[in-house]
C-alpha atoms as a PDB file:
ATOM      1  CA  UNK A   1     -80.364 -26.813   0.746  1.00  0.00           C
ATOM      2  CA  UNK A   2     -78.998 -25.910  -2.648  1.00  0.00           C
ATOM      3  CA  UNK A   3     -77.407 -22.478  -2.813  1.00  0.00           C
ATOM      4  CA  UNK A   4     -78.968 -20.051  -5.303  1.00  0.00           C
ATOM      5  CA  UNK A   5     -76.861 -19.168  -8.314  1.00  0.00           C
ATOM      6  CA  UNK A   6     -75.663 -15.556  -8.078  1.00  0.00           C
ATOM      7  CA  UNK A   7     -76.778 -13.176 -10.808  1.00  0.00           C
ATOM      8  CA  UNK A   8     -73.583 -11.841 -12.445  1.00  0.00           C
ATOM      9  CA  UNK A   9     -75.369  -8.607 -13.359  1.00  0.00           C
ATOM     10  CA  UNK A  10     -75.855  -7.855  -9.681  1.00  0.00           C
ATOM     11  CA  UNK A  11     -72.241  -8.337  -8.634  1.00  0.00           C
ATOM     12  CA  UNK A  12     -70.554  -4.955  -8.277  1.00  0.00           C
ATOM     13  CA  UNK A  13     -67.543  -3.555  -6.486  1.00  0.00           C
ATOM     14  CA  UNK A  14     -66.453   0.019  -6.006  1.00  0.00           C
ATOM     15  CA  UNK A  15     -62.777   0.665  -6.647  1.00  0.00           C
ATOM     16  CA  UNK A  16     -61.204   3.024  -4.126  1.00  0.00           C
ATOM     17  CA  UNK A  17     -57.773   4.006  -2.936  1.00  0.00           C
ATOM     18  CA  UNK A  18     -55.613   4.328  -6.028  1.00  0.00           C
ATOM     19  CA  UNK A  19     -54.837   6.655  -8.895  1.00  0.00           C
ATOM     20  CA  UNK A  20     -52.511   6.972 -11.869  1.00  0.00           C
ATOM     21  CA  UNK A  21     -51.182  10.348 -12.994  1.00  0.00           C
ATOM     22  CA  UNK A  22     -48.901  10.944 -15.919  1.00  0.00           C
ATOM     23  CA  UNK A  23     -46.453  13.054 -13.942  1.00  0.00           C
ATOM     24  CA  UNK A  24     -45.709  10.173 -11.561  1.00  0.00           C
ATOM     25  CA  UNK A  25     -44.819   7.625 -14.264  1.00  0.00           C
ATOM     26  CA  UNK A  26     -41.178   6.736 -15.024  1.00  0.00           C
ATOM     27  CA  UNK A  27     -39.981   7.002 -18.615  1.00  0.00           C
ATOM     28  CA  UNK A  28     -39.665   3.203 -18.965  1.00  0.00           C
ATOM     29  CA  UNK A  29     -42.707   0.918 -18.580  1.00  0.00           C
ATOM     30  CA  UNK A  30     -40.502  -1.892 -17.230  1.00  0.00           C
ATOM     31  CA  UNK A  31     -39.606   0.334 -14.276  1.00  0.00           C
ATOM     32  CA  UNK A  32     -43.293   0.926 -13.637  1.00  0.00           C
ATOM     33  CA  UNK A  33     -44.041  -2.793 -14.004  1.00  0.00           C
ATOM     34  CA  UNK A  34     -41.297  -3.656 -11.506  1.00  0.00           C
ATOM     35  CA  UNK A  35     -42.849  -1.318  -8.928  1.00  0.00           C
ATOM     36  CA  UNK A  36     -46.348  -2.732  -9.400  1.00  0.00           C
ATOM     37  CA  UNK A  37     -45.069  -6.311  -9.445  1.00  0.00           C
ATOM     38  CA  UNK A  38     -43.296  -5.696  -6.131  1.00  0.00           C
ATOM     39  CA  UNK A  39     -46.584  -4.402  -4.692  1.00  0.00           C
ATOM     40  CA  UNK A  40     -48.415  -7.497  -5.947  1.00  0.00           C
ATOM     41  CA  UNK A  41     -45.750  -9.892  -4.659  1.00  0.00           C
ATOM     42  CA  UNK A  42     -46.013  -8.344  -1.192  1.00  0.00           C
ATOM     43  CA  UNK A  43     -49.773  -8.800  -0.959  1.00  0.00           C
ATOM     44  CA  UNK A  44     -50.956 -11.960   0.812  1.00  0.00           C
ATOM     45  CA  UNK A  45     -54.250 -11.832  -1.081  1.00  0.00           C
ATOM     46  CA  UNK A  46     -52.339 -12.469  -4.335  1.00  0.00           C
ATOM     47  CA  UNK A  47     -50.771 -15.927  -3.893  1.00  0.00           C
ATOM     48  CA  UNK A  48     -49.442 -16.054  -7.480  1.00  0.00           C
ATOM     49  CA  UNK A  49     -48.644 -12.504  -8.609  1.00  0.00           C
ATOM     50  CA  UNK A  50     -46.719 -13.902 -11.591  1.00  0.00           C
ATOM     51  CA  UNK A  51     -49.853 -15.564 -13.007  1.00  0.00           C
ATOM     52  CA  UNK A  52     -50.703 -13.935 -16.324  1.00  0.00           C
ATOM     53  CA  UNK A  53     -53.327 -14.488 -18.984  1.00  0.00           C
ATOM     54  CA  UNK A  54     -51.724 -15.282 -22.347  1.00  0.00           C
ATOM     55  CA  UNK A  55     -53.728 -14.709 -25.529  1.00  0.00           C
ATOM     56  CA  UNK A  56     -52.552 -16.123 -28.859  1.00  0.00           C
ATOM     57  CA  UNK A  57     -54.128 -16.681 -32.265  1.00  0.00           C
ATOM     58  CA  UNK A  58     -53.665 -19.135 -35.093  1.00  0.00           C
ATOM     59  CA  UNK A  59     -52.591 -18.186 -38.603  1.00  0.00           C
ATOM     60  CA  UNK A  60     -56.321 -18.016 -39.416  1.00  0.00           C
ATOM     61  CA  UNK A  61     -56.825 -15.498 -36.557  1.00  0.00           C
ATOM     62  CA  UNK A  62     -58.704 -17.968 -34.329  1.00  0.00           C
ATOM     63  CA  UNK A  63     -57.922 -16.802 -30.775  1.00  0.00           C
ATOM     64  CA  UNK A  64     -57.222 -18.859 -27.667  1.00  0.00           C
ATOM     65  CA  UNK A  65     -56.375 -17.911 -24.108  1.00  0.00           C
ATOM     66  CA  UNK A  66     -55.019 -19.500 -20.924  1.00  0.00           C
ATOM     67  CA  UNK A  67     -53.163 -18.641 -17.718  1.00  0.00           C
ATOM     68  CA  UNK A  68     -49.393 -19.210 -17.550  1.00  0.00           C
ATOM     69  CA  UNK A  69     -46.672 -18.112 -15.136  1.00  0.00           C
ATOM     70  CA  UNK A  70     -44.238 -15.275 -15.760  1.00  0.00           C
ATOM     71  CA  UNK A  71     -40.710 -16.569 -15.235  1.00  0.00           C
ATOM     72  CA  UNK A  72     -38.713 -13.424 -15.868  1.00  0.00           C
ATOM     73  CA  UNK A  73     -38.882  -9.918 -17.290  1.00  0.00           C
ATOM     74  CA  UNK A  74     -36.538  -7.163 -18.334  1.00  0.00           C
ATOM     75  CA  UNK A  75     -35.841  -4.663 -21.118  1.00  0.00           C
ATOM     76  CA  UNK A  76     -36.124  -7.457 -23.715  1.00  0.00           C
ATOM     77  CA  UNK A  77     -39.580  -8.564 -22.607  1.00  0.00           C
ATOM     78  CA  UNK A  78     -41.649 -10.962 -20.513  1.00  0.00           C
ATOM     79  CA  UNK A  79     -40.557 -14.617 -20.416  1.00  0.00           C
ATOM     80  CA  UNK A  80     -42.472 -17.863 -19.962  1.00  0.00           C
ATOM     81  CA  UNK A  81     -41.909 -21.553 -20.737  1.00  0.00           C
ATOM     82  CA  UNK A  82     -44.181 -24.215 -22.179  1.00  0.00           C
ATOM     83  CA  UNK A  83     -44.604 -27.309 -24.314  1.00  0.00           C
ATOM     84  CA  UNK A  84     -43.826 -26.271 -27.899  1.00  0.00           C
ATOM     85  CA  UNK A  85     -46.369 -28.725 -29.332  1.00  0.00           C
ATOM     86  CA  UNK A  86     -49.226 -27.372 -27.196  1.00  0.00           C
ATOM     87  CA  UNK A  87     -51.894 -25.195 -28.762  1.00  0.00           C
ATOM     88  CA  UNK A  88     -50.174 -22.015 -27.622  1.00  0.00           C
ATOM     89  CA  UNK A  89     -46.819 -23.316 -28.843  1.00  0.00           C
ATOM     90  CA  UNK A  90     -48.220 -24.126 -32.272  1.00  0.00           C
ATOM     91  CA  UNK A  91     -50.045 -20.821 -32.546  1.00  0.00           C
ATOM     92  CA  UNK A  92     -46.962 -18.830 -31.595  1.00  0.00           C
ATOM     93  CA  UNK A  93     -45.010 -20.681 -34.288  1.00  0.00           C
ATOM     94  CA  UNK A  94     -47.688 -19.768 -36.870  1.00  0.00           C
ATOM     95  CA  UNK A  95     -48.408 -16.257 -35.620  1.00  0.00           C
ATOM     96  CA  UNK A  96     -45.653 -14.929 -33.330  1.00  0.00           C
ATOM     97  CA  UNK A  97     -47.626 -12.234 -31.528  1.00  0.00           C
ATOM     98  CA  UNK A  98     -49.325 -12.316 -28.130  1.00  0.00           C
ATOM     99  CA  UNK A  99     -51.119 -10.316 -25.465  1.00  0.00           C
ATOM    100  CA  UNK A 100     -50.657 -10.644 -21.719  1.00  0.00           C
ATOM    101  CA  UNK A 101     -52.861  -9.556 -18.832  1.00  0.00           C
ATOM    102  CA  UNK A 102     -51.733  -9.478 -15.202  1.00  0.00           C
ATOM    103  CA  UNK A 103     -55.110  -9.525 -13.368  1.00  0.00           C
ATOM    104  CA  UNK A 104     -54.264  -8.172  -9.922  1.00  0.00           C
ATOM    105  CA  UNK A 105     -57.928  -7.906  -8.898  1.00  0.00           C
ATOM    106  CA  UNK A 106     -57.441  -7.457  -5.156  1.00  0.00           C
ATOM    107  CA  UNK A 107     -55.304  -4.386  -5.875  1.00  0.00           C
ATOM    108  CA  UNK A 108     -57.790  -3.047  -8.441  1.00  0.00           C
ATOM    109  CA  UNK A 109     -54.983  -3.128 -11.001  1.00  0.00           C
ATOM    110  CA  UNK A 110     -54.221  -4.706 -14.354  1.00  0.00           C
ATOM    111  CA  UNK A 111     -51.216  -4.601 -16.652  1.00  0.00           C
ATOM    112  CA  UNK A 112     -51.809  -5.371 -20.333  1.00  0.00           C
ATOM    113  CA  UNK A 113     -48.902  -6.120 -22.674  1.00  0.00           C
ATOM    114  CA  UNK A 114     -48.999  -6.510 -26.463  1.00  0.00           C
ATOM    115  CA  UNK A 115     -46.184  -7.319 -28.849  1.00  0.00           C
ATOM    116  CA  UNK A 116     -44.270  -9.795 -31.000  1.00  0.00           C
ATOM    117  CA  UNK A 117     -42.965 -13.048 -29.540  1.00  0.00           C
ATOM    118  CA  UNK A 118     -39.466 -14.530 -29.810  1.00  0.00           C
ATOM    119  CA  UNK A 119     -38.212 -18.006 -28.943  1.00  0.00           C
ATOM    120  CA  UNK A 120     -35.688 -18.175 -26.128  1.00  0.00           C
ATOM    121  CA  UNK A 121     -32.391 -19.909 -26.723  1.00  0.00           C
ATOM    122  CA  UNK A 122     -31.931 -23.566 -25.853  1.00  0.00           C
ATOM    123  CA  UNK A 123     -29.314 -22.526 -23.297  1.00  0.00           C
ATOM    124  CA  UNK A 124     -31.683 -20.143 -21.508  1.00  0.00           C
ATOM    125  CA  UNK A 125     -34.433 -22.768 -21.528  1.00  0.00           C
ATOM    126  CA  UNK A 126     -32.098 -25.433 -20.121  1.00  0.00           C
ATOM    127  CA  UNK A 127     -30.908 -23.082 -17.379  1.00  0.00           C
ATOM    128  CA  UNK A 128     -34.488 -22.487 -16.246  1.00  0.00           C
ATOM    129  CA  UNK A 129     -35.527 -26.134 -16.613  1.00  0.00           C
ATOM    130  CA  UNK A 130     -32.795 -27.192 -14.166  1.00  0.00           C
ATOM    131  CA  UNK A 131     -34.321 -24.935 -11.494  1.00  0.00           C
ATOM    132  CA  UNK A 132     -37.720 -26.662 -11.626  1.00  0.00           C
ATOM    133  CA  UNK A 133     -38.610 -29.169  -8.900  1.00  0.00           C
ATOM    134  CA  UNK A 134     -38.014 -32.810  -9.801  1.00  0.00           C
ATOM    135  CA  UNK A 135     -41.736 -33.582 -10.052  1.00  0.00           C
ATOM    136  CA  UNK A 136     -42.366 -30.633 -12.359  1.00  0.00           C
ATOM    137  CA  UNK A 137     -39.550 -31.703 -14.672  1.00  0.00           C
ATOM    138  CA  UNK A 138     -41.084 -35.164 -14.881  1.00  0.00           C
ATOM    139  CA  UNK A 139     -44.451 -33.522 -15.454  1.00  0.00           C
ATOM    140  CA  UNK A 140     -43.101 -31.767 -18.540  1.00  0.00           C
ATOM    141  CA  UNK A 141     -42.239 -35.186 -19.996  1.00  0.00           C
ATOM    142  CA  UNK A 142     -45.497 -36.787 -18.858  1.00  0.00           C
ATOM    143  CA  UNK A 143     -47.532 -34.128 -20.706  1.00  0.00           C
ATOM    144  CA  UNK A 144     -45.582 -34.489 -23.936  1.00  0.00           C
ATOM    145  CA  UNK A 145     -48.875 -34.376 -25.883  1.00  0.00           C
ATOM    146  CA  UNK A 146     -50.100 -31.224 -24.134  1.00  0.00           C
ATOM    147  CA  UNK A 147     -53.483 -29.999 -25.445  1.00  0.00           C
ATOM    148  CA  UNK A 148     -54.180 -33.381 -27.098  1.00  0.00           C
ATOM    149  CA  UNK A 149     -57.152 -35.540 -26.062  1.00  0.00           C
ATOM    150  CA  UNK A 150     -56.161 -38.367 -23.677  1.00  0.00           C
ATOM    151  CA  UNK A 151     -58.038 -41.370 -22.320  1.00  0.00           C
ATOM    152  CA  UNK A 152     -58.097 -40.201 -18.689  1.00  0.00           C
ATOM    153  CA  UNK A 153     -56.023 -39.044 -15.741  1.00  0.00           C
ATOM    154  CA  UNK A 154     -54.715 -42.582 -15.187  1.00  0.00           C
ATOM    155  CA  UNK A 155     -52.789 -42.277 -18.456  1.00  0.00           C
ATOM    156  CA  UNK A 156     -50.903 -39.255 -17.096  1.00  0.00           C
ATOM    157  CA  UNK A 157     -50.185 -40.824 -13.721  1.00  0.00           C
ATOM    158  CA  UNK A 158     -48.953 -44.071 -15.279  1.00  0.00           C
ATOM    159  CA  UNK A 159     -46.686 -42.100 -17.592  1.00  0.00           C
ATOM    160  CA  UNK A 160     -45.323 -40.077 -14.658  1.00  0.00           C
ATOM    161  CA  UNK A 161     -44.610 -43.257 -12.664  1.00  0.00           C
ATOM    162  CA  UNK A 162     -42.844 -44.791 -15.662  1.00  0.00           C
ATOM    163  CA  UNK A 163     -40.647 -41.702 -15.997  1.00  0.00           C
ATOM    164  CA  UNK A 164     -39.879 -41.736 -12.269  1.00  0.00           C
ATOM    165  CA  UNK A 165     -38.533 -45.243 -12.651  1.00  0.00           C
ATOM    166  CA  UNK A 166     -36.431 -44.161 -15.628  1.00  0.00           C
ATOM    167  CA  UNK A 167     -35.029 -41.090 -13.873  1.00  0.00           C
ATOM    168  CA  UNK A 168     -35.189 -41.667 -10.100  1.00  0.00           C
ATOM    169  CA  UNK A 169     -35.358 -38.689  -7.788  1.00  0.00           C
ATOM    170  CA  UNK A 170     -31.787 -37.893  -6.635  1.00  0.00           C
ATOM    171  CA  UNK A 171     -33.195 -36.732  -3.288  1.00  0.00           C
ATOM    172  CA  UNK A 172     -34.370 -40.280  -2.517  1.00  0.00           C
ATOM    173  CA  UNK A 173     -31.019 -41.920  -3.266  1.00  0.00           C
ATOM    174  CA  UNK A 174     -29.118 -43.307  -0.253  1.00  0.00           C
ATOM    175  CA  UNK A 175     -27.032 -40.562   1.346  1.00  0.00           C
ATOM    176  CA  UNK A 176     -28.527 -37.807  -0.805  1.00  0.00           C
ATOM    177  CA  UNK A 177     -28.672 -34.270   0.529  1.00  0.00           C
ATOM    178  CA  UNK A 178     -32.060 -32.448   0.427  1.00  0.00           C
ATOM    179  CA  UNK A 179     -30.813 -30.027  -2.233  1.00  0.00           C
ATOM    180  CA  UNK A 180     -30.088 -32.931  -4.580  1.00  0.00           C
ATOM    181  CA  UNK A 181     -33.762 -32.997  -5.562  1.00  0.00           C
ATOM    182  CA  UNK A 182     -32.984 -30.615  -8.419  1.00  0.00           C
ATOM    183  CA  UNK A 183     -30.079 -32.703  -9.718  1.00  0.00           C
ATOM    184  CA  UNK A 184     -28.843 -31.122 -12.930  1.00  0.00           C
ATOM    185  CA  UNK A 185     -28.925 -34.272 -15.043  1.00  0.00           C
ATOM    186  CA  UNK A 186     -31.645 -36.250 -13.263  1.00  0.00           C
ATOM    187  CA  UNK A 187     -34.296 -35.333 -15.843  1.00  0.00           C
ATOM    188  CA  UNK A 188     -33.138 -34.040 -19.250  1.00  0.00           C
ATOM    189  CA  UNK A 189     -34.676 -31.087 -21.035  1.00  0.00           C
ATOM    190  CA  UNK A 190     -37.291 -32.358 -23.518  1.00  0.00           C
ATOM    191  CA  UNK A 191     -36.832 -31.446 -27.167  1.00  0.00           C
ATOM    192  CA  UNK A 192     -40.500 -30.394 -27.249  1.00  0.00           C
ATOM    193  CA  UNK A 193     -40.185 -27.885 -24.396  1.00  0.00           C
ATOM    194  CA  UNK A 194     -39.004 -24.298 -24.661  1.00  0.00           C
ATOM    195  CA  UNK A 195     -39.375 -20.665 -23.742  1.00  0.00           C
ATOM    196  CA  UNK A 196     -40.806 -17.504 -25.261  1.00  0.00           C
ATOM    197  CA  UNK A 197     -40.328 -13.793 -24.782  1.00  0.00           C
ATOM    198  CA  UNK A 198     -43.141 -11.299 -25.381  1.00  0.00           C
ATOM    199  CA  UNK A 199     -41.427  -8.107 -26.553  1.00  0.00           C
ATOM    200  CA  UNK A 200     -43.655  -5.183 -25.537  1.00  0.00           C
ATOM    201  CA  UNK A 201     -44.860  -2.725 -28.145  1.00  0.00           C
ATOM    202  CA  UNK A 202     -47.499  -1.387 -25.742  1.00  0.00           C
ATOM    203  CA  UNK A 203     -47.826  -1.719 -21.965  1.00  0.00           C
ATOM    204  CA  UNK A 204     -51.029  -0.463 -20.357  1.00  0.00           C
ATOM    205  CA  UNK A 205     -51.398   0.191 -16.634  1.00  0.00           C
ATOM    206  CA  UNK A 206     -54.998   0.070 -15.420  1.00  0.00           C
ATOM    207  CA  UNK A 207     -56.024   1.389 -12.014  1.00  0.00           C
ATOM    208  CA  UNK A 208     -59.615   1.008 -10.828  1.00  0.00           C
ATOM    209  CA  UNK A 209     -61.323   4.257  -9.781  1.00  0.00           C
ATOM    210  CA  UNK A 210     -64.771   5.174  -8.430  1.00  0.00           C
ATOM    211  CA  UNK A 211     -67.754   5.469 -10.767  1.00  0.00           C
ATOM    212  CA  UNK A 212     -65.951   3.357 -13.385  1.00  0.00           C
ATOM    213  CA  UNK A 213     -63.768   6.351 -14.290  1.00  0.00           C
ATOM    214  CA  UNK A 214     -60.680   4.152 -14.260  1.00  0.00           C
ATOM    215  CA  UNK A 215     -57.175   5.406 -14.954  1.00  0.00           C
ATOM    216  CA  UNK A 216     -55.675   3.820 -18.077  1.00  0.00           C
ATOM    217  CA  UNK A 217     -52.186   4.927 -19.028  1.00  0.00           C
ATOM    218  CA  UNK A 218     -50.541   3.197 -21.968  1.00  0.00           C
ATOM    219  CA  UNK A 219     -46.893   3.237 -22.931  1.00  0.00           C
ATOM    220  CA  UNK A 220     -46.476   2.931 -26.696  1.00  0.00           C
ATOM    221  CA  UNK A 221     -43.159   2.342 -28.444  1.00  0.00           C
ATOM    222  CA  UNK A 222     -42.684   5.056 -31.070  1.00  0.00           C
ATOM    223  CA  UNK A 223     -40.244   5.472 -33.983  1.00  0.00           C
ATOM    224  CA  UNK A 224     -37.318   5.624 -34.184  1.00  0.00           C
ATOM    225  CA  UNK A 225     -37.415   3.359 -31.152  1.00  0.00           C
ATOM    226  CA  UNK A 226     -37.936  -0.373 -31.414  1.00  0.00           C
ATOM    227  CA  UNK A 227     -39.418  -2.752 -28.838  1.00  0.00           C
ATOM    228  CA  UNK A 228     -36.854  -4.010 -26.359  1.00  0.00           C
ATOM    229  CA  UNK A 229     -33.656  -2.305 -25.250  1.00  0.00           C
ATOM    230  CA  UNK A 230     -33.352   1.328 -26.269  1.00  0.00           C
ATOM    231  CA  UNK A 231     -37.076   1.771 -26.929  1.00  0.00           C
ATOM    232  CA  UNK A 232     -38.578   5.253 -26.979  1.00  0.00           C
ATOM    233  CA  UNK A 233     -41.933   5.367 -25.203  1.00  0.00           C
ATOM    234  CA  UNK A 234     -44.901   7.713 -25.409  1.00  0.00           C
ATOM    235  CA  UNK A 235     -47.465   7.715 -22.586  1.00  0.00           C
ATOM    236  CA  UNK A 236     -51.123   8.060 -23.621  1.00  0.00           C
ATOM    237  CA  UNK A 237     -54.232   8.268 -21.458  1.00  0.00           C
ATOM    238  CA  UNK A 238     -57.079   6.051 -22.671  1.00  0.00           C
ATOM    239  CA  UNK A 239     -60.752   6.571 -22.005  1.00  0.00           C
ATOM    240  CA  UNK A 240     -62.122   4.032 -19.532  1.00  0.00           C
END
């Protein structure tokens, strides 16, 4: 028997168990983010706490959105890596600003980041690329035309197999040790692949509360501070 389609208007959840008060916030939003990220990483119900929604827009202000993985954060911002010729890569080249959302639903929390975007250095990108599993490094090459229309999945798999023949997995070589699977030079860094840093101008912490009276506390960088190291932050409470 076919299951009935749920009515979205009837799906509701009451948010209990958390609160945000100004007096408990550290002066730096990155310190607060680190505490919440640690909570998320320790929760089994959140298998990928570093998954974040990335919103970009073209030079003509046409928006687009997708989920990517956070690969580092610190005073300078939030880092991720991608194909530079993809839609997000092209849009960030045209319009170097972005918004991030960390949707930690099972904790009734969100973190929302807005700010300008900077390209990471080739050296930093290469250092991260070498840490990726062998198959993922091949995958970066196989999806060279990321966001472009392709004929079918077979095209991707054939391309991946071709690349595997060109750059064999070091872990499968005779006498190889298991850790050789991430051989430094087995798969080179593609020219079309790179990293970005979202430099926060605002960081909002959202905590679900009963009766939809959610806590929303936003850190905003204020003059004479500038986003990044040495920023001066003002905390503002937003209406839910």
